[in-house]
């Protein structure tokens, strides 16, 4: 019997959300030593050294906080340090972020910007602060500014945590001083961005997207018959129509997408076509992130995976999100092609 994502309706508790704040499986065992800098991109080797230095600072601060704690609650903890890894897609920023996570003392957490905003929503702001306040570091992958409210909440959260001695490291594709530029011009919002940018030491990581180095363009879609045969041959594969899947995603909170694809070996999507609007497209972005985190191959019929986001979408404010999702979907489709051979 073929599985379908549209038949799955997972639930997730706040406790499960907390437990999930670790690097995805593909980054569960990475390290600074396993990061191979591109010899033609000196910023990559420099970023490794900066990351190691950041870890040394975090370890030192953790020891200082422990000593301060011996003198009671009135003792002021040292201020946390911050690191911001800026660069294009596929240059290894998440690898470096996970390497930092694995190198610092527990407790610690690793998640995307969206996962942290979901955590605040589930736990409440004050409870979230209290949970994270004893962490050595908060690792935030793909810092985003799609919603002014979410950004201000995260600004408050990080400001309070840093004041309590928690260090922060984030990745994104825009320099801190330019976050939100051209998207939300309200003075209060810009003021929040300025406060946030001052937390980080910014480090640039340049280079081509490793997922596309020396690789052909997007694979040709399969026929519907080929796609069905592949799905039916694998009891842990799923088969869904693109439109039905898009509709199902609209009924699930994005925090549940990780459980939606849990235990799936490959995802087959029939009748892929350009997304009809931004809302559908942004849900696909979140699904692509969860599939990529889990390393689940993607096979499709209909349009190519690099045609889901329209030229108008790629020219708009969510351009970087869509490009990242395309990069990841293409990597997963090539993974599927290699697996089939």
Protein backbone atom coordinates (compact mmCIF):
# COMPACT_ATOMS: atom_id res chain seq x y z
CA UNK A 1 0.00 0.00 0.00
CA UNK A 2 1.48 3.33 -1.06
CA UNK A 3 1.90 6.00 1.62
CA UNK A 4 0.69 9.57 1.16
CA UNK A 5 1.82 12.67 3.04
CA UNK A 6 -1.73 14.02 2.84
CA UNK A 7 -2.85 11.14 5.08
CA UNK A 8 -0.42 12.09 7.83
CA UNK A 9 -1.52 14.56 10.54
CA UNK A 10 1.28 14.72 13.09
CA UNK A 11 1.13 16.63 16.35
CA UNK A 12 4.05 18.17 18.21
CA UNK A 13 4.23 19.21 21.86
CA UNK A 14 6.32 22.09 23.22
CA UNK A 15 8.56 19.51 24.89
CA UNK A 16 9.21 17.82 21.55
CA UNK A 17 10.01 21.20 20.00
CA UNK A 18 12.64 21.73 22.70
CA UNK A 19 14.14 18.27 22.20
CA UNK A 20 14.40 18.89 18.46
CA UNK A 21 16.76 21.86 18.87
CA UNK A 22 19.79 19.91 17.65
CA UNK A 23 21.56 19.83 14.26
CA UNK A 24 19.80 17.82 11.54
CA UNK A 25 21.00 14.28 10.89
CA UNK A 26 23.34 15.23 8.03
CA UNK A 27 25.19 17.56 10.41
CA UNK A 28 25.09 15.34 13.49
CA UNK A 29 28.77 14.40 13.33
CA UNK A 30 30.44 17.26 11.46
CA UNK A 31 33.39 19.18 12.86
CA UNK A 32 35.79 21.96 11.97
CA UNK A 33 38.22 19.26 10.84
CA UNK A 34 35.67 17.82 8.38
CA UNK A 35 35.02 21.21 6.78
CA UNK A 36 37.12 21.39 3.62
CA UNK A 37 37.74 25.03 2.67
CA UNK A 38 37.82 25.90 -1.02
CA UNK A 39 41.47 26.89 -1.72
CA UNK A 40 40.18 29.56 -4.09
CA UNK A 41 38.07 31.15 -1.35
CA UNK A 42 40.30 32.31 1.54
CA UNK A 43 37.29 33.52 3.55
CA UNK A 44 36.31 29.90 4.15
CA UNK A 45 39.55 28.99 5.94
CA UNK A 46 39.35 32.28 7.83
CA UNK A 47 35.79 31.45 8.93
CA UNK A 48 36.99 28.13 10.35
CA UNK A 49 39.61 29.92 12.45
CA UNK A 50 37.07 32.49 13.62
CA UNK A 51 34.69 29.69 14.55
CA UNK A 52 37.37 27.96 16.62
CA UNK A 53 38.15 31.25 18.37
CA UNK A 54 34.45 31.77 19.09
CA UNK A 55 34.27 28.31 20.68
CA UNK A 56 37.26 29.18 22.88
CA UNK A 57 35.47 32.36 24.01
CA UNK A 58 32.29 30.43 24.78
CA UNK A 59 34.18 27.83 26.82
CA UNK A 60 35.90 30.61 28.76
CA UNK A 61 32.61 32.42 29.39
CA UNK A 62 30.96 29.19 30.54
CA UNK A 63 33.65 28.73 33.17
CA UNK A 64 33.26 32.35 34.28
CA UNK A 65 29.49 31.95 34.57
CA UNK A 66 29.95 28.82 36.67
CA UNK A 67 32.26 30.69 39.04
CA UNK A 68 29.88 33.66 39.22
CA UNK A 69 27.07 31.30 40.08
CA UNK A 70 28.92 30.23 43.21
CA UNK A 71 28.45 33.73 44.61
CA UNK A 72 24.67 33.75 44.33
CA UNK A 73 22.01 35.22 42.09
CA UNK A 74 23.06 38.85 42.69
CA UNK A 75 26.30 38.27 40.82
CA UNK A 76 26.20 39.76 37.32
CA UNK A 77 27.10 37.19 34.65
CA UNK A 78 29.54 38.09 31.85
CA UNK A 79 27.86 39.24 28.64
CA UNK A 80 27.56 36.62 25.92
CA UNK A 81 29.55 36.90 22.69
CA UNK A 82 28.05 36.82 19.20
CA UNK A 83 29.15 35.59 15.77
CA UNK A 84 27.35 36.10 12.47
CA UNK A 85 28.29 33.94 9.45
CA UNK A 86 27.22 35.71 6.28
CA UNK A 87 27.49 34.18 2.83
CA UNK A 88 25.71 32.72 -0.16
CA UNK A 89 24.00 29.38 -0.48
CA UNK A 90 25.94 26.14 -0.10
CA UNK A 91 29.24 27.57 1.17
CA UNK A 92 29.18 25.50 4.37
CA UNK A 93 27.73 27.97 6.88
CA UNK A 94 25.46 25.34 8.45
CA UNK A 95 28.43 22.94 8.65
CA UNK A 96 30.38 25.58 10.57
CA UNK A 97 27.39 26.36 12.78
CA UNK A 98 26.96 22.69 13.66
CA UNK A 99 30.71 22.41 14.30
CA UNK A 100 30.42 25.20 16.86
CA UNK A 101 27.43 23.47 18.46
CA UNK A 102 29.33 20.19 18.81
CA UNK A 103 32.37 21.96 20.31
CA UNK A 104 30.76 23.88 23.18
CA UNK A 105 29.50 22.70 26.58
CA UNK A 106 25.90 21.65 27.21
CA UNK A 107 23.20 22.77 27.58
CA UNK A 108 23.03 24.30 24.10
CA UNK A 109 20.57 24.50 21.23
CA UNK A 110 20.56 24.51 17.42
CA UNK A 111 17.63 25.48 15.25
CA UNK A 112 16.41 27.64 12.42
CA UNK A 113 15.06 31.11 13.04
CA UNK A 114 11.55 29.77 12.40
CA UNK A 115 12.00 26.96 14.93
CA UNK A 116 12.92 29.47 17.64
CA UNK A 117 9.92 31.66 16.88
CA UNK A 118 7.73 28.55 17.08
CA UNK A 119 9.33 27.74 20.44
CA UNK A 120 8.55 31.21 21.81
CA UNK A 121 4.97 30.82 20.63
CA UNK A 122 4.61 27.41 22.26
CA UNK A 123 6.31 28.15 25.58
CA UNK A 124 5.61 31.85 25.98
CA UNK A 125 8.36 34.46 25.97
CA UNK A 126 9.30 34.37 29.67
CA UNK A 127 9.35 30.59 29.90
CA UNK A 128 11.44 30.41 26.73
CA UNK A 129 13.97 32.85 28.22
CA UNK A 130 14.20 30.82 31.41
CA UNK A 131 14.70 27.59 29.48
CA UNK A 132 17.50 28.99 27.32
CA UNK A 133 19.16 31.24 29.94
CA UNK A 134 21.54 28.53 31.17
CA UNK A 135 22.70 27.57 27.68
CA UNK A 136 26.28 28.12 26.65
CA UNK A 137 25.26 29.02 23.10
CA UNK A 138 22.20 29.50 20.90
CA UNK A 139 22.82 28.48 17.27
CA UNK A 140 20.41 30.05 14.77
CA UNK A 141 20.49 28.84 11.17
CA UNK A 142 19.09 31.00 8.36
CA UNK A 143 18.19 34.14 10.29
CA UNK A 144 15.09 35.62 8.64
CA UNK A 145 13.10 38.83 8.71
CA UNK A 146 9.86 37.91 7.00
CA UNK A 147 7.67 39.21 9.80
CA UNK A 148 8.37 42.36 11.86
CA UNK A 149 6.65 40.90 14.92
CA UNK A 150 8.76 37.73 14.87
CA UNK A 151 11.91 39.78 14.40
CA UNK A 152 11.21 42.02 17.37
CA UNK A 153 10.43 39.01 19.55
CA UNK A 154 13.72 37.42 18.54
CA UNK A 155 15.54 40.70 19.13
CA UNK A 156 14.17 40.83 22.67
CA UNK A 157 14.95 37.17 23.25
CA UNK A 158 18.55 37.43 22.08
CA UNK A 159 19.14 40.69 23.94
CA UNK A 160 17.94 39.17 27.22
CA UNK A 161 19.87 35.94 26.72
CA UNK A 162 23.11 37.75 25.83
CA UNK A 163 22.74 39.88 28.98
CA UNK A 164 22.53 36.64 30.97
CA UNK A 165 25.77 35.39 29.47
CA UNK A 166 24.40 33.25 26.64
CA UNK A 167 26.47 33.41 23.47
CA UNK A 168 24.79 33.56 20.07
CA UNK A 169 25.91 32.41 16.63
CA UNK A 170 23.77 32.86 13.54
CA UNK A 171 23.94 32.29 9.80
CA UNK A 172 22.16 34.21 7.10
CA UNK A 173 22.57 35.52 3.59
CA UNK A 174 22.48 39.22 4.43
CA UNK A 175 24.79 41.37 6.52
CA UNK A 176 23.37 42.24 9.98
CA UNK A 177 23.23 45.98 9.27
CA UNK A 178 21.18 45.28 6.13
CA UNK A 179 18.65 42.87 7.63
CA UNK A 180 15.16 43.85 6.64
CA UNK A 181 16.39 46.55 4.28
CA UNK A 182 13.84 47.29 1.58
CA UNK A 183 11.18 45.16 3.29
CA UNK A 184 9.84 47.00 6.35
CA UNK A 185 10.72 50.67 6.72
CA UNK A 186 8.98 51.51 10.00
CA UNK A 187 11.34 53.39 12.31
CA UNK A 188 10.59 51.19 15.31
CA UNK A 189 11.40 48.09 13.28
CA UNK A 190 14.66 49.55 11.99
CA UNK A 191 15.60 50.42 15.55
CA UNK A 192 15.10 46.78 16.53
CA UNK A 193 17.31 45.67 13.65
CA UNK A 194 20.07 48.05 14.68
CA UNK A 195 20.03 46.70 18.24
CA UNK A 196 20.21 43.17 16.95
CA UNK A 197 23.07 43.78 14.53
CA UNK A 198 25.28 45.16 17.29
CA UNK A 199 25.32 41.75 19.00
CA UNK A 200 27.28 40.05 16.24
CA UNK A 201 30.82 40.01 14.93
CA UNK A 202 30.21 39.55 11.22
CA UNK A 203 32.29 37.08 9.20
CA UNK A 204 31.91 36.66 5.45
CA UNK A 205 32.01 33.17 3.89
CA UNK A 206 32.32 33.35 0.09
CA UNK A 207 32.24 30.67 -2.58
CA UNK A 208 30.00 28.85 -5.08
CA UNK A 209 27.14 26.67 -3.91
CA UNK A 210 28.81 23.29 -3.25
CA UNK A 211 25.52 21.56 -4.06
CA UNK A 212 25.92 22.74 -7.66
CA UNK A 213 29.66 22.50 -8.22
CA UNK A 214 30.36 20.61 -11.46
CA UNK A 215 26.81 19.28 -11.53
CA UNK A 216 24.28 19.31 -14.39
CA UNK A 217 21.12 21.44 -14.24
CA UNK A 218 17.86 20.22 -12.74
CA UNK A 219 17.05 16.62 -13.74
CA UNK A 220 14.17 16.09 -16.17
CA UNK A 221 10.93 15.14 -14.42
CA UNK A 222 9.77 11.54 -14.56
CA UNK A 223 6.56 10.45 -16.23
CA UNK A 224 3.59 9.84 -13.94
CA UNK A 225 3.90 6.11 -14.63
CA UNK A 226 7.58 6.04 -13.69
CA UNK A 227 6.90 8.00 -10.50
CA UNK A 228 4.07 5.68 -9.42
CA UNK A 229 6.22 2.61 -10.07
CA UNK A 230 9.04 3.99 -7.89
CA UNK A 231 6.68 4.86 -5.06
CA UNK A 232 4.92 1.50 -5.17
CA UNK A 233 8.23 -0.37 -5.09
CA UNK A 234 9.25 1.23 -1.77
CA UNK A 235 6.96 0.68 1.24
CA UNK A 236 8.37 3.75 3.01
CA UNK A 237 8.08 6.13 0.04
CA UNK A 238 5.21 8.59 -0.32
CA UNK A 239 3.26 9.60 -3.43
CA UNK A 240 1.20 12.79 -3.56
CA UNK A 241 -0.28 15.14 -6.12
CA UNK A 242 1.32 18.59 -5.96
CA UNK A 243 -1.94 20.47 -5.51
CA UNK A 244 -3.28 18.08 -2.87
CA UNK A 245 -0.02 18.28 -0.95
CA UNK A 246 -0.06 22.07 -1.10
CA UNK A 247 -3.60 22.04 0.28
CA UNK A 248 -2.61 19.65 3.08
CA UNK A 249 0.35 21.83 4.07
CA UNK A 250 -2.05 24.76 4.49
CA UNK A 251 -3.80 22.82 7.27
CA UNK A 252 -0.61 22.05 9.23
CA UNK A 253 1.43 24.48 11.29
CA UNK A 254 4.99 24.57 9.86
CA UNK A 255 6.32 23.30 13.20
CA UNK A 256 4.69 19.96 12.30
CA UNK A 257 6.41 19.51 8.92
CA UNK A 258 9.35 17.71 10.52
CA UNK A 259 7.06 15.02 11.90
CA UNK A 260 5.18 14.97 8.59
CA UNK A 261 8.20 13.49 6.79
CA UNK A 262 9.59 11.45 9.67
CA UNK A 263 10.40 7.86 8.71
CA UNK A 264 9.94 8.50 4.98
CA UNK A 265 12.59 7.12 2.60
CA UNK A 266 11.70 9.23 -0.45
CA UNK A 267 9.03 11.73 -1.45
CA UNK A 268 7.36 11.45 -4.88
CA UNK A 269 5.30 14.41 -6.05
CA UNK A 270 3.11 14.14 -9.13
CA UNK A 271 2.07 17.05 -11.34
CA UNK A 272 4.52 19.68 -10.09
CA UNK A 273 3.87 23.16 -11.50
CA UNK A 274 4.77 26.76 -10.59
CA UNK A 275 3.30 27.82 -7.25
CA UNK A 276 0.14 29.89 -7.63
CA UNK A 277 0.98 32.42 -4.93
CA UNK A 278 3.46 33.40 -2.22
CA UNK A 279 1.58 31.56 0.53
CA UNK A 280 1.88 28.22 -1.27
CA UNK A 281 5.49 28.96 -2.21
CA UNK A 282 6.53 29.76 1.36
CA UNK A 283 5.03 26.51 2.66
CA UNK A 284 7.06 24.65 0.05
CA UNK A 285 10.16 26.45 1.30
CA UNK A 286 9.58 25.12 4.83
CA UNK A 287 8.89 21.62 3.53
CA UNK A 288 12.07 21.75 1.42
CA UNK A 289 14.07 22.69 4.52
CA UNK A 290 12.66 19.77 6.52
CA UNK A 291 13.28 17.33 3.65
CA UNK A 292 16.82 18.60 3.26
CA UNK A 293 17.50 18.35 6.99
CA UNK A 294 16.39 14.72 6.89
CA UNK A 295 18.21 13.96 3.62
CA UNK A 296 15.05 12.60 1.98
CA UNK A 297 15.31 12.21 -1.83
CA UNK A 298 12.66 13.98 -3.93
CA UNK A 299 11.32 12.73 -7.28
CA UNK A 300 8.74 14.56 -9.36
CA UNK A 301 6.65 14.52 -12.51
CA UNK A 302 5.35 17.60 -14.27
CA UNK A 303 7.59 20.67 -14.12
CA UNK A 304 11.22 20.71 -13.03
CA UNK A 305 11.97 21.54 -9.42
CA UNK A 306 13.67 24.79 -10.41
CA UNK A 307 10.40 25.99 -11.96
CA UNK A 308 8.27 25.93 -8.79
CA UNK A 309 9.07 29.53 -7.91
CA UNK A 310 8.08 31.96 -10.64
CA UNK A 311 10.35 34.71 -12.03
CA UNK A 312 8.16 37.26 -10.25
CA UNK A 313 8.71 35.47 -6.93
CA UNK A 314 12.44 35.27 -7.50
CA UNK A 315 12.51 39.03 -8.11
CA UNK A 316 10.64 39.82 -4.89
CA UNK A 317 11.41 40.18 -1.21
CA UNK A 318 11.59 36.43 -0.57
CA UNK A 319 14.14 35.87 -3.35
CA UNK A 320 16.83 34.40 -1.08
CA UNK A 321 14.39 32.00 0.55
CA UNK A 322 13.26 30.70 -2.82
CA UNK A 323 16.80 30.35 -4.13
CA UNK A 324 17.85 28.43 -1.03
CA UNK A 325 14.85 26.12 -1.35
CA UNK A 326 15.57 25.54 -5.05
CA UNK A 327 19.19 24.72 -4.26
CA UNK A 328 18.13 22.20 -1.64
CA UNK A 329 15.40 20.59 -3.75
CA UNK A 330 17.80 20.14 -6.64
CA UNK A 331 20.32 18.52 -4.31
CA UNK A 332 17.62 16.12 -3.09
CA UNK A 333 16.49 15.35 -6.64
CA UNK A 334 20.06 14.50 -7.66
CA UNK A 335 20.36 12.39 -4.55
CA UNK A 336 17.26 10.52 -5.72
CA UNK A 337 18.72 10.06 -9.20
CA UNK A 338 21.99 8.70 -7.79
CA UNK A 339 20.07 6.41 -5.46
CA UNK A 340 18.07 5.04 -8.39
CA UNK A 341 21.23 4.11 -10.27
